Amino acid sequence: MIRFLEDEHHGAQSLSAPARVAMVQVFLGPRDSDHFYQLKVDVSSGKILEERQLKGCHPHVDATDMRKAEQECLKDPEVQAAIKSMHLPEGATINIEPWTYGTDGMNDMSQKITMVC
């Protein structure tokens, strides 16, 4: 890209634009770290230029996963007991706020890496 921009800046006549490359993180199989990959894909041809397994890593949580986490939290008996113990007024709304940053826990910090772009 730098070479292309330098040539363009200096008025080169026959420039071929650099390939448009997208970085994609995807599960190629089950949703576990053994099947989590980062791909570099040429957008024009669809050809995979680079494939790297991200074993031990996990992706950002998407909105669907966050909603599932919220629903599961609200179903948990301990959470329900804690809500009841607060004696909230009738009609009060409980909002669970899933948090997408940080490690999975102290026991697996050497195995898991939060992916931050």
C-alpha atoms as a PDB file:
ATOM      1  CA  MET A   1       0.000   0.000   0.000  1.00  0.00           C
ATOM      2  CA  ILE A   2       2.823   2.414   0.839  1.00  0.00           C
ATOM      3  CA  ARG A   3       4.433   1.795  -2.551  1.00  0.00           C
ATOM      4  CA  PHE A   4       1.079   2.436  -4.276  1.00  0.00           C
ATOM      5  CA  LEU A   5       0.585   5.712  -2.385  1.00  0.00           C
ATOM      6  CA  GLU A   6       4.139   6.861  -3.123  1.00  0.00           C
ATOM      7  CA  ASP A   7       3.701   6.095  -6.842  1.00  0.00           C
ATOM      8  CA  GLU A   8       0.341   7.860  -6.894  1.00  0.00           C
ATOM      9  CA  HIS A   9       1.837  10.898  -5.142  1.00  0.00           C
ATOM     10  CA  HIS A  10       4.593  11.073  -7.749  1.00  0.00           C
ATOM     11  CA  GLY A  11       2.112  10.887 -10.640  1.00  0.00           C
ATOM     12  CA  ALA A  12       2.789   7.355 -11.893  1.00  0.00           C
ATOM     13  CA  GLN A  13       0.600   6.629 -14.927  1.00  0.00           C
ATOM     14  CA  SER A  14      -0.227   2.924 -14.810  1.00  0.00           C
ATOM     15  CA  LEU A  15      -1.126   2.127 -11.252  1.00  0.00           C
ATOM     16  CA  SER A  16      -2.783  -1.092 -10.285  1.00  0.00           C
ATOM     17  CA  ALA A  17      -4.645  -0.700  -7.030  1.00  0.00           C
ATOM     18  CA  PRO A  18      -3.512  -2.914  -4.169  1.00  0.00           C
ATOM     19  CA  ALA A  19      -5.682  -5.870  -3.271  1.00  0.00           C
ATOM     20  CA  ARG A  20      -8.509  -5.199  -0.847  1.00  0.00           C
ATOM     21  CA  VAL A  21      -7.875  -7.583   2.028  1.00  0.00           C
ATOM     22  CA  ALA A  22     -10.258  -8.260   4.898  1.00  0.00           C
ATOM     23  CA  MET A  23      -9.279  -9.800   8.213  1.00  0.00           C
ATOM     24  CA  VAL A  24     -11.939 -12.254   9.347  1.00  0.00           C
ATOM     25  CA  GLN A  25     -12.178 -14.162  12.613  1.00  0.00           C
ATOM     26  CA  VAL A  26     -14.335 -17.236  12.225  1.00  0.00           C
ATOM     27  CA  PHE A  27     -15.104 -20.661  13.650  1.00  0.00           C
ATOM     28  CA  LEU A  28     -14.345 -23.380  11.105  1.00  0.00           C
ATOM     29  CA  GLY A  29     -16.277 -26.107  12.876  1.00  0.00           C
ATOM     30  CA  PRO A  30     -17.628 -26.191  16.432  1.00  0.00           C
ATOM     31  CA  ARG A  31     -17.523 -22.971  18.469  1.00  0.00           C
ATOM     32  CA  ASP A  32     -14.411 -23.737  20.506  1.00  0.00           C
ATOM     33  CA  SER A  33     -10.851 -22.467  20.476  1.00  0.00           C
ATOM     34  CA  ASP A  34      -9.640 -25.507  18.507  1.00  0.00           C
ATOM     35  CA  HIS A  35     -11.708 -24.269  15.552  1.00  0.00           C
ATOM     36  CA  PHE A  36     -11.219 -20.502  15.880  1.00  0.00           C
ATOM     37  CA  TYR A  37      -9.234 -18.960  13.007  1.00  0.00           C
ATOM     38  CA  GLN A  38      -8.128 -15.614  11.685  1.00  0.00           C
ATOM     39  CA  LEU A  39      -8.190 -15.365   7.907  1.00  0.00           C
ATOM     40  CA  LYS A  40      -6.947 -12.717   5.520  1.00  0.00           C
ATOM     41  CA  VAL A  41      -9.169 -12.789   2.456  1.00  0.00           C
ATOM     42  CA  ASP A  42      -8.771 -11.027  -0.894  1.00  0.00           C
ATOM     43  CA  VAL A  43     -12.159  -9.330  -1.184  1.00  0.00           C
ATOM     44  CA  SER A  44     -12.149  -9.274  -4.996  1.00  0.00           C
ATOM     45  CA  SER A  45     -11.287 -12.923  -5.592  1.00  0.00           C
ATOM     46  CA  GLY A  46     -12.524 -14.470  -2.342  1.00  0.00           C
ATOM     47  CA  LYS A  47      -9.166 -16.244  -2.055  1.00  0.00           C
ATOM     48  CA  ILE A  48      -7.821 -16.915   1.443  1.00  0.00           C
ATOM     49  CA  LEU A  49      -4.363 -15.341   1.567  1.00  0.00           C
ATOM     50  CA  GLU A  50      -3.496 -16.329   5.113  1.00  0.00           C
ATOM     51  CA  GLU A  51      -5.003 -18.700   7.670  1.00  0.00           C
ATOM     52  CA  ARG A  52      -3.944 -18.716  11.310  1.00  0.00           C
ATOM     53  CA  GLN A  53      -5.447 -20.883  14.040  1.00  0.00           C
ATOM     54  CA  LEU A  54      -6.166 -18.909  17.215  1.00  0.00           C
ATOM     55  CA  LYS A  55      -5.997 -21.856  19.609  1.00  0.00           C
ATOM     56  CA  GLY A  56      -6.572 -20.775  23.199  1.00  0.00           C
ATOM     57  CA  CYS A  57      -8.226 -17.527  22.096  1.00  0.00           C
ATOM     58  CA  HIS A  58     -11.860 -16.588  21.884  1.00  0.00           C
ATOM     59  CA  PRO A  59     -13.666 -13.888  19.917  1.00  0.00           C
ATOM     60  CA  HIS A  60     -15.489 -10.858  21.166  1.00  0.00           C
ATOM     61  CA  VAL A  61     -18.927 -11.639  22.485  1.00  0.00           C
ATOM     62  CA  ASP A  62     -21.606 -10.737  19.974  1.00  0.00           C
ATOM     63  CA  ALA A  63     -25.037  -9.307  20.777  1.00  0.00           C
ATOM     64  CA  THR A  64     -26.712 -12.718  20.507  1.00  0.00           C
ATOM     65  CA  ASP A  65     -24.320 -14.242  23.039  1.00  0.00           C
ATOM     66  CA  MET A  66     -24.838 -11.269  25.354  1.00  0.00           C
ATOM     67  CA  ARG A  67     -28.631 -11.729  25.256  1.00  0.00           C
ATOM     68  CA  LYS A  68     -28.192 -15.439  26.018  1.00  0.00           C
ATOM     69  CA  ALA A  69     -25.947 -14.590  28.978  1.00  0.00           C
ATOM     70  CA  GLU A  70     -28.518 -12.109  30.274  1.00  0.00           C
ATOM     71  CA  GLN A  71     -31.327 -14.668  30.001  1.00  0.00           C
ATOM     72  CA  GLU A  72     -29.281 -17.369  31.733  1.00  0.00           C
ATOM     73  CA  CYS A  73     -28.363 -15.002  34.567  1.00  0.00           C
ATOM     74  CA  LEU A  74     -32.006 -14.126  35.142  1.00  0.00           C
ATOM     75  CA  LYS A  75     -32.924 -17.843  35.277  1.00  0.00           C
ATOM     76  CA  ASP A  76     -30.269 -18.634  37.891  1.00  0.00           C
ATOM     77  CA  PRO A  77     -31.849 -19.516  41.280  1.00  0.00           C
ATOM     78  CA  GLU A  78     -29.214 -17.548  43.219  1.00  0.00           C
ATOM     79  CA  VAL A  79     -29.869 -14.446  41.108  1.00  0.00           C
ATOM     80  CA  GLN A  80     -33.618 -14.860  41.600  1.00  0.00           C
ATOM     81  CA  ALA A  81     -33.105 -15.184  45.368  1.00  0.00           C
ATOM     82  CA  ALA A  82     -30.944 -12.047  45.430  1.00  0.00           C
ATOM     83  CA  ILE A  83     -33.593 -10.123  43.479  1.00  0.00           C
ATOM     84  CA  LYS A  84     -36.318 -11.240  45.900  1.00  0.00           C
ATOM     85  CA  SER A  85     -34.176 -10.229  48.879  1.00  0.00           C
ATOM     86  CA  MET A  86     -34.060  -6.632  47.601  1.00  0.00           C
ATOM     87  CA  HIS A  87     -37.849  -6.237  48.054  1.00  0.00           C
ATOM     88  CA  LEU A  88     -38.111  -4.123  44.918  1.00  0.00           C
ATOM     89  CA  PRO A  89     -41.378  -2.314  44.196  1.00  0.00           C
ATOM     90  CA  GLU A  90     -43.860  -4.105  41.952  1.00  0.00           C
ATOM     91  CA  GLY A  91     -43.161  -3.426  38.288  1.00  0.00           C
ATOM     92  CA  ALA A  92     -39.442  -2.793  38.856  1.00  0.00           C
ATOM     93  CA  THR A  93     -37.271  -3.878  35.954  1.00  0.00           C
ATOM     94  CA  ILE A  94     -34.120  -5.912  36.456  1.00  0.00           C
ATOM     95  CA  ASN A  95     -31.419  -5.279  33.859  1.00  0.00           C
ATOM     96  CA  ILE A  96     -28.486  -7.627  33.502  1.00  0.00           C
ATOM     97  CA  GLU A  97     -25.524  -5.927  31.866  1.00  0.00           C
ATOM     98  CA  PRO A  98     -23.264  -8.490  30.200  1.00  0.00           C
ATOM     99  CA  TRP A  99     -19.638  -7.378  30.235  1.00  0.00           C
ATOM    100  CA  THR A 100     -17.499  -8.255  27.243  1.00  0.00           C
ATOM    101  CA  TYR A 101     -14.014  -7.365  28.478  1.00  0.00           C
ATOM    102  CA  GLY A 102     -11.560  -9.223  30.675  1.00  0.00           C
ATOM    103  CA  THR A 103     -10.344 -12.734  31.293  1.00  0.00           C
ATOM    104  CA  ASP A 104     -12.478 -15.807  31.807  1.00  0.00           C
ATOM    105  CA  GLY A 105     -11.177 -16.190  35.343  1.00  0.00           C
ATOM    106  CA  MET A 106      -8.077 -16.630  37.418  1.00  0.00           C
ATOM    107  CA  ASN A 107      -7.918 -20.400  36.834  1.00  0.00           C
ATOM    108  CA  ASP A 108      -7.633 -20.237  33.060  1.00  0.00           C
ATOM    109  CA  MET A 109      -5.728 -17.016  32.411  1.00  0.00           C
ATOM    110  CA  SER A 110      -2.809 -18.947  30.898  1.00  0.00           C
ATOM    111  CA  GLN A 111      -5.149 -20.652  28.413  1.00  0.00           C
ATOM    112  CA  LYS A 112      -7.530 -17.907  27.318  1.00  0.00           C
ATOM    113  CA  ILE A 113      -6.837 -14.571  25.694  1.00  0.00           C
ATOM    114  CA  THR A 114      -9.489 -11.929  25.221  1.00  0.00           C
ATOM    115  CA  MET A 115      -9.373 -10.823  21.600  1.00  0.00           C
ATOM    116  CA  VAL A 116      -9.227  -7.043  21.347  1.00  0.00           C
ATOM    117  CA  CYS A 117      -8.929  -5.342  17.962  1.00  0.00           C
END
